[in-house]
Amino acid sequence: MLMSVSSMAALAILFASILAFADKKLKVKTDPRIEEIIGLLPGVNCGACGYLSCRAFGEGIVKKNEDPGKCRVIGEEAREELFKLLGKEESERYPRLPLVHCAAGTKDKKYTAEYNGVRTCSGADLVFGAGLRCEYGCMGFGDCVSVCAFGALSMEDGLPKADPEKCTGCGKCVPACPRGIISMQEKRFDGLFYVACSSLDGVLRVKEACGTGCIACGICEKLSPGGLFKVTENLSRPDYERQRNQEEAEKLRQKCPTKVIKRI
């Protein structure tokens, strides 16, 4: 029995030694900066940087040389510390804002049936879009507002409205809309001009559905030598890179007959 105990003890010591040796030799060395970087990141896991979590993004900064500027939620002091830690120069940043491509307020929305189902956009979209006549329009139940962790979105007159002061540009509101009427754009100039409509219907259908959508008249394109707007598939589309000429963009906004060219 004593021999058995001694043998087991010897084996235990042998295996422990092997494991200790393997741990020492095979242990993956981690960059000490990773934890420091993660400590500076906001920890909200919003996904705006393209990673599922702040931890994953922090590891990506060190291991894949990701641009730390991709985090738009981080505070100014933490941002400065982060770039100082990495020894990098911060490039010029612009606010990134959500644009709502629908202008039909509560009084403008037209319905083909009364909806009494689940009061969410995702649920209503499965049931003939809550009876909304325009299949491209905002259903107004505020799924985008619900997912905003910063209180930057609110529902006003049946449409989501963003508060630029609170918006961090994380973009979580974009996939929350089942109809895809929200997009994120950088505000590079004093004014950001966009088209508050997503409808690809023809003029007669647009007028029948809400009366406030783009009718693809082409005025914004014809009067824009700088190519600020172009009409394709029955919808005017802005070129955000060419909006440096703010005066021209403002004139085109005022010329729009249905007033769907908006300015932030």
Protein backbone atom coordinates (compact mmCIF):
# COMPACT_ATOMS: atom_id res chain seq x y z
CA MET A 1 0.00 0.00 0.00
CA LEU A 2 2.87 2.33 0.88
CA MET A 3 4.40 1.61 -2.51
CA SER A 4 1.11 2.50 -4.26
CA VAL A 5 0.85 5.80 -2.39
CA SER A 6 4.48 6.62 -3.19
CA SER A 7 3.91 5.80 -6.88
CA MET A 8 0.82 8.01 -7.05
CA ALA A 9 2.67 10.86 -5.35
CA ALA A 10 5.57 10.51 -7.77
CA LEU A 11 3.22 10.54 -10.76
CA ALA A 12 1.44 13.57 -9.39
CA ILE A 13 4.74 15.43 -9.02
CA LEU A 14 5.80 14.36 -12.51
CA PHE A 15 2.56 15.53 -14.14
CA ALA A 16 2.59 18.78 -12.16
CA SER A 17 6.12 19.45 -13.36
CA ILE A 18 5.13 18.73 -16.97
CA LEU A 19 2.12 21.06 -16.72
CA ALA A 20 4.21 23.81 -15.13
CA PHE A 21 6.83 23.48 -17.85
CA ALA A 22 4.17 23.49 -20.60
CA ASP A 23 2.46 26.51 -19.08
CA LYS A 24 5.73 28.41 -19.01
CA LYS A 25 6.70 27.47 -22.56
CA LEU A 26 3.29 27.68 -24.24
CA LYS A 27 1.86 30.66 -22.39
CA VAL A 28 0.76 33.39 -24.81
CA LYS A 29 2.27 36.69 -23.86
CA THR A 30 -0.22 39.52 -23.91
CA ASP A 31 0.64 43.13 -24.54
CA PRO A 32 0.23 44.97 -21.21
CA ARG A 33 -1.26 47.90 -23.11
CA ILE A 34 -4.40 45.92 -23.95
CA GLU A 35 -5.85 46.14 -20.44
CA GLU A 36 -4.88 49.79 -20.21
CA ILE A 37 -6.59 50.53 -23.52
CA ILE A 38 -9.71 48.60 -22.52
CA GLY A 39 -9.79 50.65 -19.31
CA LEU A 40 -9.94 53.86 -21.38
CA LEU A 41 -12.69 52.63 -23.71
CA PRO A 42 -16.30 53.42 -22.64
CA GLY A 43 -17.42 49.80 -22.15
CA VAL A 44 -20.85 50.29 -23.73
CA ASN A 45 -20.24 47.67 -26.44
CA CYS A 46 -22.23 49.68 -29.00
CA GLY A 47 -20.51 48.08 -32.02
CA ALA A 48 -19.94 51.36 -33.89
CA CYS A 49 -16.24 50.50 -34.25
CA GLY A 50 -17.08 47.27 -36.07
CA TYR A 51 -16.33 45.01 -33.10
CA LEU A 52 -18.82 43.24 -30.86
CA SER A 53 -17.34 44.63 -27.66
CA CYS A 54 -14.96 47.28 -26.35
CA ARG A 55 -12.61 44.50 -25.22
CA ALA A 56 -12.48 43.03 -28.73
CA PHE A 57 -11.83 46.50 -30.15
CA GLY A 58 -9.06 47.13 -27.61
CA GLU A 59 -7.37 43.90 -28.66
CA GLY A 60 -7.84 44.88 -32.31
CA ILE A 61 -6.09 48.21 -31.71
CA VAL A 62 -2.97 46.41 -30.45
CA LYS A 63 -3.00 43.22 -32.52
CA LYS A 64 -4.42 44.52 -35.81
CA ASN A 65 -3.37 48.16 -35.63
CA GLU A 66 -7.01 49.30 -35.77
CA ASP A 67 -7.62 53.04 -35.82
CA PRO A 68 -8.53 54.06 -32.24
CA GLY A 69 -10.53 56.92 -33.75
CA LYS A 70 -13.20 54.39 -34.74
CA CYS A 71 -14.57 54.68 -31.20
CA ARG A 72 -16.97 57.61 -31.32
CA VAL A 73 -18.41 57.11 -27.85
CA ILE A 74 -15.22 57.63 -25.84
CA GLY A 75 -14.91 60.87 -23.82
CA GLU A 76 -12.52 63.61 -24.88
CA GLU A 77 -10.08 63.13 -21.98
CA ALA A 78 -9.99 59.35 -22.43
CA ARG A 79 -9.52 59.84 -26.19
CA GLU A 80 -6.49 62.07 -25.61
CA GLU A 81 -5.02 59.53 -23.18
CA LEU A 82 -5.63 56.70 -25.65
CA PHE A 83 -3.82 58.41 -28.51
CA LYS A 84 -1.00 59.45 -26.17
CA LEU A 85 -0.62 55.86 -24.95
CA LEU A 86 -0.41 54.61 -28.54
CA GLY A 87 1.88 57.42 -29.64
CA LYS A 88 -0.44 58.35 -32.50
CA GLU A 89 -1.71 61.62 -33.94
CA GLU A 90 -5.47 61.97 -33.98
CA SER A 91 -6.92 62.73 -37.41
CA GLU A 92 -9.66 65.31 -37.90
CA ARG A 93 -13.02 64.05 -36.69
CA TYR A 94 -16.51 65.01 -37.79
CA PRO A 95 -19.78 64.37 -35.98
CA ARG A 96 -21.67 61.38 -37.35
CA LEU A 97 -25.42 61.85 -37.30
CA PRO A 98 -28.50 59.72 -38.07
CA LEU A 99 -30.58 60.88 -41.03
CA VAL A 100 -34.25 59.89 -41.15
CA HIS A 101 -35.28 59.34 -44.76
CA CYS A 102 -38.99 59.94 -44.26
CA ALA A 103 -40.87 63.24 -43.90
CA ALA A 104 -44.39 61.96 -43.27
CA GLY A 105 -45.49 63.19 -39.88
CA THR A 106 -48.55 61.89 -38.03
CA LYS A 107 -51.01 63.93 -40.08
CA ASP A 108 -49.35 62.93 -43.36
CA LYS A 109 -49.43 59.16 -42.83
CA LYS A 110 -52.17 57.34 -44.74
CA TYR A 111 -53.44 53.86 -43.92
CA THR A 112 -55.24 51.07 -45.72
CA ALA A 113 -56.28 49.33 -42.48
CA GLU A 114 -56.35 49.84 -38.72
CA TYR A 115 -53.51 48.14 -36.86
CA ASN A 116 -54.02 46.75 -33.35
CA GLY A 117 -50.99 44.49 -33.08
CA VAL A 118 -47.63 44.66 -31.30
CA ARG A 119 -46.49 48.27 -30.94
CA THR A 120 -43.03 47.82 -32.40
CA CYS A 121 -41.77 48.54 -35.89
CA SER A 122 -40.24 45.08 -36.22
CA GLY A 123 -43.56 43.45 -35.29
CA ALA A 124 -45.72 45.75 -37.38
CA ASP A 125 -43.51 45.30 -40.42
CA LEU A 126 -44.49 41.62 -40.45
CA VAL A 127 -48.18 42.51 -40.54
CA PHE A 128 -48.50 44.60 -43.71
CA GLY A 129 -46.49 47.43 -42.20
CA ALA A 130 -49.19 48.34 -39.68
CA GLY A 131 -51.47 49.16 -42.60
CA LEU A 132 -49.31 52.12 -43.63
CA ARG A 133 -50.00 52.88 -47.28
CA CYS A 134 -46.37 53.79 -48.03
CA GLU A 135 -44.29 50.62 -47.82
CA TYR A 136 -41.13 52.72 -47.44
CA GLY A 137 -42.32 55.07 -44.70
CA CYS A 138 -41.66 55.27 -40.97
CA MET A 139 -44.21 53.27 -38.96
CA GLY A 140 -43.56 55.44 -35.92
CA PHE A 141 -43.32 52.91 -33.08
CA GLY A 142 -39.80 53.96 -32.13
CA ASP A 143 -37.64 50.83 -32.26
CA CYS A 144 -34.73 53.14 -33.07
CA VAL A 145 -35.43 55.19 -29.94
CA SER A 146 -35.49 52.05 -27.78
CA VAL A 147 -32.00 50.90 -28.80
CA CYS A 148 -30.30 54.27 -28.31
CA ALA A 149 -28.24 53.98 -25.14
CA PHE A 150 -27.57 57.71 -25.00
CA GLY A 151 -31.10 59.13 -25.20
CA ALA A 152 -30.24 60.91 -28.43
CA LEU A 153 -33.43 59.91 -30.27
CA SER A 154 -37.03 60.76 -29.47
CA MET A 155 -40.32 60.45 -31.34
CA GLU A 156 -41.86 63.72 -32.44
CA ASP A 157 -44.94 63.93 -34.65
CA GLY A 158 -44.64 60.27 -35.62
CA LEU A 159 -40.97 60.48 -36.66
CA PRO A 160 -37.65 59.91 -34.86
CA LYS A 161 -35.68 63.06 -34.17
CA ALA A 162 -32.01 63.13 -33.20
CA ASP A 163 -30.37 65.42 -30.67
CA PRO A 164 -26.93 66.21 -32.15
CA GLU A 165 -25.62 67.15 -28.70
CA LYS A 166 -26.38 63.68 -27.30
CA CYS A 167 -25.73 61.56 -30.39
CA THR A 168 -22.41 59.72 -30.33
CA GLY A 169 -22.77 58.35 -33.86
CA CYS A 170 -22.74 54.73 -32.70
CA GLY A 171 -25.22 53.76 -35.43
CA LYS A 172 -27.27 51.23 -33.43
CA CYS A 173 -30.46 52.92 -34.65
CA VAL A 174 -29.69 51.98 -38.27
CA PRO A 175 -30.25 48.18 -38.06
CA ALA A 176 -33.11 48.72 -35.57
CA CYS A 177 -35.29 50.11 -38.38
CA PRO A 178 -36.84 47.21 -40.34
CA ARG A 179 -37.46 49.50 -43.31
CA GLY A 180 -33.94 50.89 -43.43
CA ILE A 181 -34.96 54.54 -43.43
CA ILE A 182 -32.10 55.66 -41.14
CA SER A 183 -28.55 56.20 -42.36
CA MET A 184 -25.45 57.61 -40.68
CA GLN A 185 -23.51 60.44 -42.29
CA GLU A 186 -20.60 62.64 -41.25
CA LYS A 187 -21.38 66.34 -40.92
CA ARG A 188 -18.31 67.82 -42.61
CA PHE A 189 -19.70 71.28 -43.33
CA ASP A 190 -21.93 73.79 -41.54
CA GLY A 191 -25.06 72.17 -42.94
CA LEU A 192 -25.77 68.56 -43.84
CA PHE A 193 -28.35 68.27 -46.62
CA TYR A 194 -30.26 65.03 -47.20
CA VAL A 195 -33.46 63.69 -48.75
CA ALA A 196 -36.13 62.77 -46.21
CA CYS A 197 -37.72 60.07 -48.35
CA SER A 198 -36.97 56.44 -49.20
CA SER A 199 -39.77 55.72 -51.65
CA LEU A 200 -38.95 54.23 -55.03
CA ASP A 201 -42.56 54.61 -56.21
CA GLY A 202 -43.61 56.80 -59.10
CA VAL A 203 -45.06 60.26 -58.64
CA LEU A 204 -48.73 59.15 -58.64
CA ARG A 205 -48.15 56.48 -56.04
CA VAL A 206 -46.12 58.85 -53.84
CA LYS A 207 -48.88 61.45 -53.89
CA GLU A 208 -51.44 58.80 -53.10
CA ALA A 209 -49.42 57.26 -50.27
CA CYS A 210 -48.45 60.38 -48.32
CA GLY A 211 -48.01 63.45 -50.51
CA THR A 212 -44.80 64.47 -48.75
CA GLY A 213 -42.31 62.23 -50.55
CA CYS A 214 -39.85 62.75 -53.38
CA ILE A 215 -41.67 62.86 -56.72
CA ALA A 216 -38.46 62.53 -58.77
CA CYS A 217 -39.17 65.79 -60.56
CA GLY A 218 -35.43 66.27 -61.09
CA ILE A 219 -35.36 69.97 -60.22
CA CYS A 220 -32.57 69.43 -57.68
CA GLU A 221 -30.49 67.65 -60.30
CA LYS A 222 -31.17 70.07 -63.16
CA LEU A 223 -30.35 73.14 -61.08
CA SER A 224 -27.22 71.62 -59.57
CA PRO A 225 -24.19 72.04 -61.86
CA GLY A 226 -22.01 70.83 -59.01
CA GLY A 227 -23.78 67.48 -58.94
CA LEU A 228 -25.11 67.81 -55.41
CA PHE A 229 -28.14 65.66 -56.23
CA LYS A 230 -28.91 62.93 -58.72
CA VAL A 231 -32.24 61.20 -59.35
CA THR A 232 -32.11 57.41 -59.73
CA GLU A 233 -34.93 54.89 -59.32
CA ASN A 234 -37.51 57.62 -58.71
CA LEU A 235 -35.56 59.06 -55.80
CA SER A 236 -33.26 62.04 -55.43
CA ARG A 237 -29.94 61.11 -53.83
CA PRO A 238 -27.41 63.62 -52.46
CA ASP A 239 -23.66 63.48 -52.90
CA TYR A 240 -22.52 64.27 -49.37
CA GLU A 241 -18.92 64.81 -50.47
CA ARG A 242 -19.91 67.76 -52.68
CA GLN A 243 -21.78 69.82 -50.12
CA ARG A 244 -18.94 72.26 -49.58
CA ASN A 245 -20.96 74.81 -51.58
CA GLN A 246 -23.51 75.39 -48.83
CA GLU A 247 -25.17 78.31 -50.58
CA GLU A 248 -25.98 76.22 -53.65
CA ALA A 249 -27.26 73.36 -51.49
CA GLU A 250 -29.55 75.74 -49.59
CA LYS A 251 -31.00 77.12 -52.84
CA LEU A 252 -31.79 73.59 -53.99
CA ARG A 253 -33.43 72.82 -50.66
CA GLN A 254 -35.74 75.79 -51.08
CA LYS A 255 -36.57 74.82 -54.68
CA CYS A 256 -37.78 71.30 -53.76
CA PRO A 257 -41.58 71.30 -54.41
CA THR A 258 -42.38 68.70 -51.73
CA LYS A 259 -39.81 70.05 -49.24
CA VAL A 260 -38.13 66.67 -48.70
CA ILE A 261 -34.62 68.11 -48.92
CA LYS A 262 -33.76 68.76 -45.28
CA ARG A 263 -30.86 70.45 -43.55
CA ILE A 264 -29.18 69.69 -40.24
